[in-house]
């Protein structure tokens, strides 16, 4: 896959070149090295950041609904724990987004090919690459679409079950 050259935040020159790509869990990180100041950093794909944000928000909304839906008092410990989860989500997503923001891609430059590691499932890699090509918005929407597809399949199976095999 090809990646653009980025502007180095350290020396402010468009010399941050991609050198390798790592698959980490359900996303990728591209290692970059500046040809001017020799700085090295990993840049996480924007789609991976979007997926983490959406899944984290869905988990927090579900947990918040369970905690705060009932009018009964929620304990202080539960509120503090929920606050730590919110801060944890922000800290997990803010640093990779900040690195992407501080080292923007250079517009109009040639894309450079990067070799990736060959570990892991090839079908999973193809799916991850497909999502990453959709960008940040694709990463935000993918978990919602997957949940919608699973719920639609469950509704269809339930419809068939109760229509043709129900009592």
N, C-alpha and C. Protein backbone atom coordinates (compact mmCIF):
# COMPACT_ATOMS: atom_id res chain seq x y z
N UNK A 1 0.84 -1.17 0.00
CA UNK A 1 0.00 0.00 0.00
C UNK A 1 0.89 1.24 0.00
N UNK A 2 0.36 2.32 -0.49
CA UNK A 2 1.14 3.55 -0.61
C UNK A 2 0.63 4.60 0.38
N UNK A 3 1.60 5.33 0.94
CA UNK A 3 1.30 6.36 1.92
C UNK A 3 2.00 7.66 1.54
N UNK A 4 1.40 8.80 1.93
CA UNK A 4 2.02 10.09 1.57
C UNK A 4 3.17 10.45 2.50
N UNK A 5 4.03 11.32 2.02
CA UNK A 5 5.05 11.93 2.86
C UNK A 5 4.33 12.93 3.77
N UNK A 6 4.81 13.07 4.99
CA UNK A 6 4.18 13.98 5.95
C UNK A 6 5.16 15.08 6.35
N UNK A 7 4.61 16.13 6.92
CA UNK A 7 5.43 17.23 7.43
C UNK A 7 5.88 16.86 8.83
N UNK A 8 7.16 16.94 9.08
CA UNK A 8 7.73 16.61 10.39
C UNK A 8 7.42 17.74 11.37
N UNK A 9 6.85 17.39 12.51
CA UNK A 9 6.51 18.40 13.51
C UNK A 9 7.76 18.93 14.20
N UNK A 10 8.82 18.14 14.20
CA UNK A 10 10.04 18.54 14.90
C UNK A 10 10.83 19.59 14.12
N UNK A 11 11.04 19.35 12.81
CA UNK A 11 11.85 20.29 12.03
C UNK A 11 11.01 21.12 11.05
N UNK A 12 9.69 20.88 10.99
CA UNK A 12 8.76 21.64 10.16
C UNK A 12 9.08 21.56 8.66
N UNK A 13 9.63 20.43 8.22
CA UNK A 13 9.92 20.25 6.80
C UNK A 13 9.14 19.03 6.29
N UNK A 14 8.77 19.01 5.02
CA UNK A 14 8.01 17.88 4.47
C UNK A 14 8.90 16.69 4.14
N UNK A 15 9.54 16.14 5.17
CA UNK A 15 10.52 15.07 4.95
C UNK A 15 10.24 13.82 5.79
N UNK A 16 9.04 13.66 6.30
CA UNK A 16 8.69 12.50 7.13
C UNK A 16 8.21 11.38 6.20
N UNK A 17 9.07 10.41 5.95
CA UNK A 17 8.80 9.35 4.98
C UNK A 17 8.34 8.07 5.68
N UNK A 18 7.35 7.38 5.10
CA UNK A 18 6.92 6.10 5.67
C UNK A 18 7.98 5.03 5.39
N UNK A 19 8.29 4.21 6.42
CA UNK A 19 9.31 3.17 6.23
C UNK A 19 8.77 1.76 6.47
N UNK A 20 7.77 1.59 7.34
CA UNK A 20 7.22 0.26 7.56
C UNK A 20 5.78 0.39 8.08
N UNK A 21 5.08 -0.74 8.01
CA UNK A 21 3.69 -0.77 8.45
C UNK A 21 3.47 -1.98 9.34
N UNK A 22 2.83 -1.76 10.49
CA UNK A 22 2.55 -2.83 11.44
C UNK A 22 1.05 -2.97 11.62
N UNK A 23 0.58 -4.21 11.63
CA UNK A 23 -0.80 -4.49 11.97
C UNK A 23 -0.84 -4.72 13.47
N UNK A 24 -1.66 -3.94 14.16
CA UNK A 24 -1.76 -4.06 15.61
C UNK A 24 -3.24 -4.21 15.98
N UNK A 25 -3.64 -5.41 16.30
CA UNK A 25 -5.04 -5.64 16.64
C UNK A 25 -5.92 -5.45 15.43
N UNK A 26 -6.79 -4.47 15.48
CA UNK A 26 -7.72 -4.22 14.39
C UNK A 26 -7.38 -2.96 13.63
N UNK A 27 -6.15 -2.52 13.67
CA UNK A 27 -5.74 -1.34 12.95
C UNK A 27 -4.29 -1.45 12.55
N UNK A 28 -3.79 -0.41 11.93
CA UNK A 28 -2.39 -0.39 11.52
C UNK A 28 -1.72 0.88 12.00
N UNK A 29 -0.41 0.77 12.14
CA UNK A 29 0.41 1.93 12.45
C UNK A 29 1.54 1.95 11.43
N UNK A 30 1.78 3.10 10.85
CA UNK A 30 2.85 3.26 9.87
C UNK A 30 3.98 4.00 10.55
N UNK A 31 5.16 3.38 10.52
CA UNK A 31 6.33 4.02 11.12
C UNK A 31 6.93 4.97 10.10
N UNK A 32 7.21 6.20 10.54
CA UNK A 32 7.79 7.23 9.68
C UNK A 32 9.14 7.65 10.23
N UNK A 33 10.04 8.04 9.33
CA UNK A 33 11.34 8.57 9.73
C UNK A 33 11.61 9.83 8.92
N UNK A 34 12.04 10.87 9.62
CA UNK A 34 12.35 12.14 8.97
C UNK A 34 13.75 12.04 8.36
N UNK A 35 13.85 12.39 7.09
CA UNK A 35 15.16 12.34 6.42
C UNK A 35 16.02 13.55 6.78
N UNK A 36 15.42 14.55 7.41
CA UNK A 36 16.17 15.76 7.77
C UNK A 36 16.72 15.66 9.20
N UNK A 37 15.86 15.33 10.17
CA UNK A 37 16.28 15.34 11.57
C UNK A 37 16.33 13.94 12.19
N UNK A 38 16.03 12.90 11.44
CA UNK A 38 16.07 11.50 11.88
C UNK A 38 15.05 11.16 12.97
N UNK A 39 14.03 11.97 13.11
CA UNK A 39 12.99 11.66 14.09
C UNK A 39 12.17 10.48 13.58
N UNK A 40 11.75 9.60 14.50
CA UNK A 40 10.92 8.44 14.14
C UNK A 40 9.65 8.46 14.97
N UNK A 41 8.53 8.13 14.33
CA UNK A 41 7.27 8.03 15.06
C UNK A 41 6.31 7.12 14.32
N UNK A 42 5.37 6.56 15.07
CA UNK A 42 4.32 5.73 14.51
C UNK A 42 3.06 6.57 14.38
N UNK A 43 2.44 6.48 13.21
CA UNK A 43 1.20 7.21 12.97
C UNK A 43 0.09 6.19 12.76
N UNK A 44 -0.92 6.25 13.62
CA UNK A 44 -2.06 5.35 13.54
C UNK A 44 -3.01 5.84 12.47
N UNK A 45 -3.60 4.88 11.75
CA UNK A 45 -4.56 5.24 10.69
C UNK A 45 -5.77 5.92 11.30
N UNK A 46 -6.30 6.91 10.59
CA UNK A 46 -7.46 7.66 11.08
C UNK A 46 -8.68 6.77 11.24
N UNK A 47 -8.84 5.77 10.37
CA UNK A 47 -9.98 4.86 10.50
C UNK A 47 -9.92 4.08 11.80
N UNK A 48 -8.73 3.69 12.22
CA UNK A 48 -8.58 2.97 13.49
C UNK A 48 -9.00 3.85 14.67
N UNK A 49 -8.63 5.12 14.60
CA UNK A 49 -9.03 6.06 15.64
C UNK A 49 -10.55 6.21 15.65
N UNK A 50 -11.16 6.29 14.47
CA UNK A 50 -12.62 6.41 14.38
C UNK A 50 -13.33 5.19 14.94
N UNK A 51 -12.82 4.00 14.67
CA UNK A 51 -13.43 2.78 15.21
C UNK A 51 -13.35 2.77 16.73
N UNK A 52 -12.20 3.14 17.28
CA UNK A 52 -12.04 3.16 18.74
C UNK A 52 -13.00 4.18 19.36
N UNK A 53 -13.15 5.34 18.74
CA UNK A 53 -14.06 6.35 19.26
C UNK A 53 -15.50 5.83 19.27
N UNK A 54 -15.95 5.24 18.16
CA UNK A 54 -17.34 4.78 18.08
C UNK A 54 -17.61 3.63 19.05
N UNK A 55 -16.72 2.64 19.08
CA UNK A 55 -16.92 1.51 19.99
C UNK A 55 -16.87 1.97 21.43
N UNK A 56 -15.94 2.87 21.74
CA UNK A 56 -15.85 3.40 23.11
C UNK A 56 -17.09 4.18 23.51
N UNK A 57 -17.60 5.01 22.60
CA UNK A 57 -18.81 5.77 22.90
C UNK A 57 -20.03 4.87 23.05
N UNK A 58 -20.12 3.83 22.20
CA UNK A 58 -21.25 2.90 22.34
C UNK A 58 -21.18 2.18 23.68
N UNK A 59 -19.98 1.77 24.10
CA UNK A 59 -19.83 1.10 25.39
C UNK A 59 -20.17 2.05 26.53
N UNK A 60 -19.70 3.30 26.44
CA UNK A 60 -19.99 4.27 27.50
C UNK A 60 -21.48 4.61 27.55
N UNK A 61 -22.12 4.73 26.39
CA UNK A 61 -23.56 5.00 26.38
C UNK A 61 -24.35 3.85 26.99
N UNK A 62 -23.98 2.62 26.65
CA UNK A 62 -24.66 1.46 27.21
C UNK A 62 -24.46 1.40 28.72
N UNK A 63 -23.23 1.58 29.16
CA UNK A 63 -22.93 1.54 30.59
C UNK A 63 -23.61 2.71 31.30
N UNK A 64 -23.60 3.89 30.69
CA UNK A 64 -24.27 5.05 31.29
C UNK A 64 -25.77 4.85 31.40
N UNK A 65 -26.37 4.21 30.40
CA UNK A 65 -27.80 3.91 30.45
C UNK A 65 -28.09 2.98 31.63
N UNK A 66 -27.26 1.97 31.81
CA UNK A 66 -27.46 1.04 32.92
C UNK A 66 -27.29 1.76 34.26
N UNK A 67 -26.29 2.61 34.36
CA UNK A 67 -26.02 3.29 35.63
C UNK A 67 -27.03 4.37 35.96
N UNK A 68 -27.38 5.20 34.99
CA UNK A 68 -28.11 6.42 35.28
C UNK A 68 -29.57 6.41 34.84
N UNK A 69 -30.05 5.33 34.22
CA UNK A 69 -31.44 5.29 33.75
C UNK A 69 -32.43 5.28 34.90
N UNK A 70 -32.17 4.46 35.87
CA UNK A 70 -33.08 4.36 37.01
C UNK A 70 -32.96 5.62 37.85
N UNK A 71 -34.08 6.07 38.39
CA UNK A 71 -34.05 7.31 39.17
C UNK A 71 -33.42 7.10 40.54
N UNK A 72 -33.16 5.85 40.91
CA UNK A 72 -32.50 5.58 42.19
C UNK A 72 -31.09 6.14 42.17
N UNK A 73 -30.58 6.41 43.34
CA UNK A 73 -29.27 7.03 43.43
C UNK A 73 -28.15 6.11 42.96
N UNK A 74 -27.27 6.66 42.15
CA UNK A 74 -26.08 5.94 41.73
C UNK A 74 -24.99 6.28 42.72
N UNK A 75 -24.26 5.27 43.15
CA UNK A 75 -23.21 5.48 44.14
C UNK A 75 -22.07 6.32 43.61
N UNK A 76 -21.36 6.94 44.51
CA UNK A 76 -20.23 7.79 44.16
C UNK A 76 -19.13 6.97 43.48
N UNK A 77 -18.92 5.74 43.95
CA UNK A 77 -17.88 4.90 43.36
C UNK A 77 -18.19 4.62 41.89
N UNK A 78 -19.46 4.36 41.56
CA UNK A 78 -19.85 4.08 40.18
C UNK A 78 -19.65 5.32 39.31
N UNK A 79 -19.97 6.49 39.84
CA UNK A 79 -19.78 7.72 39.07
C UNK A 79 -18.30 8.00 38.83
N UNK A 80 -17.47 7.76 39.83
CA UNK A 80 -16.03 7.96 39.67
C UNK A 80 -15.47 6.97 38.67
N UNK A 81 -15.91 5.73 38.74
CA UNK A 81 -15.45 4.72 37.79
C UNK A 81 -15.87 5.07 36.37
N UNK A 82 -17.08 5.57 36.21
CA UNK A 82 -17.56 6.00 34.89
C UNK A 82 -16.73 7.18 34.38
N UNK A 83 -16.41 8.11 35.26
CA UNK A 83 -15.55 9.24 34.89
C UNK A 83 -14.17 8.79 34.44
N UNK A 84 -13.60 7.80 35.14
CA UNK A 84 -12.30 7.25 34.72
C UNK A 84 -12.40 6.59 33.35
N UNK A 85 -13.52 5.93 33.05
CA UNK A 85 -13.70 5.32 31.74
C UNK A 85 -13.78 6.38 30.65
N UNK A 86 -14.44 7.49 30.92
CA UNK A 86 -14.52 8.59 29.95
C UNK A 86 -13.13 9.17 29.71
N UNK A 87 -12.39 9.42 30.79
CA UNK A 87 -11.03 9.94 30.66
C UNK A 87 -10.14 8.94 29.93
N UNK A 88 -10.33 7.65 30.20
CA UNK A 88 -9.55 6.62 29.51
C UNK A 88 -9.81 6.62 28.01
N UNK A 89 -11.07 6.75 27.60
CA UNK A 89 -11.39 6.80 26.18
C UNK A 89 -10.76 8.02 25.53
N UNK A 90 -10.83 9.15 26.19
CA UNK A 90 -10.23 10.37 25.65
C UNK A 90 -8.72 10.22 25.52
N UNK A 91 -8.09 9.63 26.53
CA UNK A 91 -6.63 9.50 26.47
C UNK A 91 -6.18 8.49 25.42
N UNK A 92 -6.97 7.45 25.19
CA UNK A 92 -6.60 6.45 24.19
C UNK A 92 -6.73 7.01 22.78
N UNK A 93 -7.69 7.89 22.55
CA UNK A 93 -7.91 8.41 21.20
C UNK A 93 -7.22 9.75 20.94
N UNK A 94 -6.94 10.51 21.96
CA UNK A 94 -6.40 11.85 21.76
C UNK A 94 -4.96 11.84 21.26
N UNK A 95 -4.11 10.98 21.81
CA UNK A 95 -2.70 10.98 21.42
C UNK A 95 -2.50 10.59 19.95
N UNK A 96 -3.10 9.49 19.46
CA UNK A 96 -2.94 9.19 18.03
C UNK A 96 -3.53 10.27 17.11
N UNK A 97 -4.65 10.86 17.52
CA UNK A 97 -5.24 11.93 16.71
C UNK A 97 -4.32 13.16 16.71
N UNK A 98 -3.70 13.45 17.84
CA UNK A 98 -2.78 14.58 17.94
C UNK A 98 -1.55 14.37 17.04
N UNK A 99 -1.02 13.15 17.02
CA UNK A 99 0.13 12.86 16.16
C UNK A 99 -0.25 13.03 14.69
N UNK A 100 -1.44 12.59 14.30
CA UNK A 100 -1.91 12.79 12.94
C UNK A 100 -2.06 14.27 12.61
N UNK A 101 -2.56 15.04 13.57
CA UNK A 101 -2.78 16.47 13.37
C UNK A 101 -1.45 17.24 13.28
N UNK A 102 -0.50 16.89 14.13
CA UNK A 102 0.78 17.61 14.15
C UNK A 102 1.68 17.27 12.97
N UNK A 103 1.45 16.13 12.32
CA UNK A 103 2.27 15.71 11.18
C UNK A 103 1.37 15.50 9.97
N UNK A 104 0.86 16.58 9.37
CA UNK A 104 -0.10 16.43 8.28
C UNK A 104 0.56 15.91 7.00
N UNK A 105 -0.22 15.23 6.15
CA UNK A 105 0.34 14.78 4.87
C UNK A 105 0.65 15.98 3.97
N UNK A 106 1.69 15.83 3.18
CA UNK A 106 2.09 16.87 2.23
C UNK A 106 1.20 16.74 1.00
N UNK A 107 0.51 17.79 0.64
CA UNK A 107 -0.37 17.76 -0.53
C UNK A 107 0.45 17.81 -1.82
N UNK A 108 0.04 17.01 -2.78
CA UNK A 108 0.68 17.02 -4.08
C UNK A 108 1.97 16.22 -4.16
N UNK A 109 2.29 15.45 -3.14
CA UNK A 109 3.52 14.66 -3.18
C UNK A 109 3.23 13.27 -3.74
N UNK A 110 4.28 12.58 -4.14
CA UNK A 110 4.14 11.21 -4.61
C UNK A 110 3.92 10.28 -3.42
N UNK A 111 3.07 9.27 -3.62
CA UNK A 111 2.84 8.28 -2.58
C UNK A 111 3.97 7.26 -2.61
N UNK A 112 4.38 6.82 -1.43
CA UNK A 112 5.49 5.88 -1.34
C UNK A 112 4.98 4.52 -0.88
N UNK A 113 5.51 3.47 -1.51
CA UNK A 113 5.14 2.11 -1.13
C UNK A 113 5.84 1.72 0.16
N UNK A 114 5.11 0.99 0.99
CA UNK A 114 5.64 0.56 2.27
C UNK A 114 5.38 -0.94 2.41
N UNK A 115 6.40 -1.66 2.81
CA UNK A 115 6.24 -3.08 3.06
C UNK A 115 5.58 -3.29 4.41
N UNK A 116 4.65 -4.26 4.47
CA UNK A 116 3.98 -4.53 5.74
C UNK A 116 4.42 -5.88 6.26
N UNK A 117 4.23 -6.07 7.56
CA UNK A 117 4.55 -7.36 8.17
C UNK A 117 3.59 -8.41 7.64
N UNK A 118 4.03 -9.64 7.58
CA UNK A 118 3.20 -10.70 7.00
C UNK A 118 2.57 -11.60 8.05
N UNK A 119 2.46 -11.16 9.28
CA UNK A 119 1.84 -11.97 10.32
C UNK A 119 0.34 -11.72 10.35
N UNK A 120 -0.41 -12.72 10.75
CA UNK A 120 -1.84 -12.55 10.91
C UNK A 120 -2.64 -13.12 9.77
N UNK A 121 -3.94 -12.98 9.87
CA UNK A 121 -4.88 -13.51 8.90
C UNK A 121 -5.00 -12.57 7.71
N UNK A 122 -4.87 -13.12 6.50
CA UNK A 122 -4.95 -12.28 5.30
C UNK A 122 -6.33 -11.69 5.10
N UNK A 123 -7.39 -12.44 5.43
CA UNK A 123 -8.74 -11.90 5.29
C UNK A 123 -8.95 -10.72 6.23
N UNK A 124 -8.42 -10.81 7.44
CA UNK A 124 -8.53 -9.71 8.39
C UNK A 124 -7.75 -8.50 7.89
N UNK A 125 -6.57 -8.73 7.33
CA UNK A 125 -5.78 -7.61 6.80
C UNK A 125 -6.52 -6.91 5.67
N UNK A 126 -7.13 -7.68 4.78
CA UNK A 126 -7.88 -7.06 3.67
C UNK A 126 -9.04 -6.22 4.20
N UNK A 127 -9.72 -6.73 5.23
CA UNK A 127 -10.83 -5.98 5.81
C UNK A 127 -10.34 -4.69 6.47
N UNK A 128 -9.24 -4.78 7.20
CA UNK A 128 -8.69 -3.60 7.85
C UNK A 128 -8.25 -2.56 6.81
N UNK A 129 -7.60 -3.01 5.76
CA UNK A 129 -7.15 -2.09 4.70
C UNK A 129 -8.36 -1.45 4.01
N UNK A 130 -9.41 -2.23 3.79
CA UNK A 130 -10.62 -1.69 3.16
C UNK A 130 -11.23 -0.58 4.02
N UNK A 131 -11.30 -0.81 5.34
CA UNK A 131 -11.85 0.20 6.24
C UNK A 131 -10.95 1.43 6.28
N UNK A 132 -9.63 1.21 6.31
CA UNK A 132 -8.71 2.35 6.39
C UNK A 132 -8.75 3.21 5.13
N UNK A 133 -9.09 2.61 4.01
CA UNK A 133 -9.23 3.41 2.78
C UNK A 133 -10.43 4.34 2.86
N UNK A 134 -11.41 4.01 3.72
CA UNK A 134 -12.59 4.87 3.89
C UNK A 134 -12.29 6.07 4.78
N UNK A 135 -11.18 6.06 5.51
CA UNK A 135 -10.77 7.19 6.32
C UNK A 135 -11.47 7.26 7.67
N UNK A 136 -11.39 8.43 8.28
CA UNK A 136 -11.92 8.64 9.63
C UNK A 136 -13.43 8.42 9.68
N UNK A 137 -14.15 8.95 8.72
CA UNK A 137 -15.60 8.80 8.70
C UNK A 137 -16.00 7.33 8.54
N UNK A 138 -15.28 6.61 7.71
CA UNK A 138 -15.54 5.17 7.56
C UNK A 138 -15.31 4.43 8.87
N UNK A 139 -14.27 4.82 9.59
CA UNK A 139 -14.01 4.21 10.89
C UNK A 139 -15.09 4.53 11.91
N UNK A 140 -15.63 5.74 11.85
CA UNK A 140 -16.72 6.11 12.76
C UNK A 140 -18.00 5.34 12.46
N UNK A 141 -18.28 5.13 11.18
CA UNK A 141 -19.55 4.51 10.79
C UNK A 141 -19.52 2.98 10.79
N UNK A 142 -18.36 2.38 10.63
CA UNK A 142 -18.28 0.93 10.49
C UNK A 142 -18.89 0.17 11.68
N UNK A 143 -18.57 0.48 12.93
CA UNK A 143 -19.20 -0.27 14.03
C UNK A 143 -20.72 -0.15 14.05
N UNK A 144 -21.24 1.02 13.69
CA UNK A 144 -22.69 1.21 13.66
C UNK A 144 -23.30 0.34 12.56
N UNK A 145 -22.65 0.29 11.40
CA UNK A 145 -23.15 -0.55 10.30
C UNK A 145 -23.08 -2.03 10.64
N UNK A 146 -22.02 -2.46 11.32
CA UNK A 146 -21.90 -3.87 11.72
C UNK A 146 -22.99 -4.24 12.71
N UNK A 147 -23.22 -3.40 13.71
CA UNK A 147 -24.29 -3.67 14.68
C UNK A 147 -25.64 -3.69 13.98
N UNK A 148 -25.87 -2.76 13.07
CA UNK A 148 -27.12 -2.73 12.31
C UNK A 148 -27.31 -3.99 11.47
N UNK A 149 -26.24 -4.48 10.84
CA UNK A 149 -26.33 -5.70 10.03
C UNK A 149 -26.64 -6.91 10.91
N UNK A 150 -26.01 -7.01 12.06
CA UNK A 150 -26.27 -8.13 12.97
C UNK A 150 -27.70 -8.09 13.48
N UNK A 151 -28.19 -6.91 13.86
CA UNK A 151 -29.57 -6.80 14.34
C UNK A 151 -30.57 -7.08 13.23
N UNK A 152 -30.25 -6.66 12.01
CA UNK A 152 -31.14 -6.95 10.88
C UNK A 152 -31.21 -8.45 10.60
N UNK A 153 -30.09 -9.12 10.66
CA UNK A 153 -30.06 -10.57 10.47
C UNK A 153 -30.85 -11.27 11.56
N UNK A 154 -30.70 -10.82 12.81
CA UNK A 154 -31.45 -11.41 13.92
C UNK A 154 -32.96 -11.19 13.74
N UNK A 155 -33.33 -10.00 13.29
CA UNK A 155 -34.76 -9.73 13.06
C UNK A 155 -35.31 -10.59 11.93
N UNK A 156 -34.52 -10.78 10.88
CA UNK A 156 -34.96 -11.62 9.77
C UNK A 156 -35.12 -13.07 10.21
N UNK A 157 -34.18 -13.58 10.99
CA UNK A 157 -34.29 -14.95 11.49
C UNK A 157 -35.50 -15.08 12.41
N UNK A 158 -35.74 -14.10 13.25
CA UNK A 158 -36.92 -14.12 14.12
C UNK A 158 -38.21 -14.07 13.33
N UNK A 159 -38.25 -13.27 12.28
CA UNK A 159 -39.43 -13.19 11.43
C UNK A 159 -39.73 -14.54 10.78
N UNK A 160 -38.70 -15.17 10.23
CA UNK A 160 -38.87 -16.49 9.60
C UNK A 160 -39.32 -17.51 10.65
N UNK A 161 -38.71 -17.48 11.81
CA UNK A 161 -39.03 -18.44 12.87
C UNK A 161 -40.49 -18.30 13.30
N UNK A 162 -40.92 -17.11 13.59
CA UNK A 162 -42.29 -16.94 14.11
C UNK A 162 -43.35 -16.99 13.00
N UNK A 163 -42.99 -16.69 11.76
CA UNK A 163 -43.96 -16.75 10.67
C UNK A 163 -44.21 -18.18 10.22
N UNK A 164 -43.18 -18.94 10.07
CA UNK A 164 -43.33 -20.28 9.50
C UNK A 164 -43.27 -21.42 10.51
N UNK A 165 -42.64 -21.20 11.66
CA UNK A 165 -42.46 -22.28 12.62
C UNK A 165 -43.09 -21.99 13.99
N UNK A 166 -43.78 -20.86 14.12
CA UNK A 166 -44.37 -20.49 15.40
C UNK A 166 -45.65 -21.25 15.68
N UNK A 167 -46.07 -21.22 16.91
CA UNK A 167 -47.31 -21.90 17.32
C UNK A 167 -48.48 -20.98 17.23
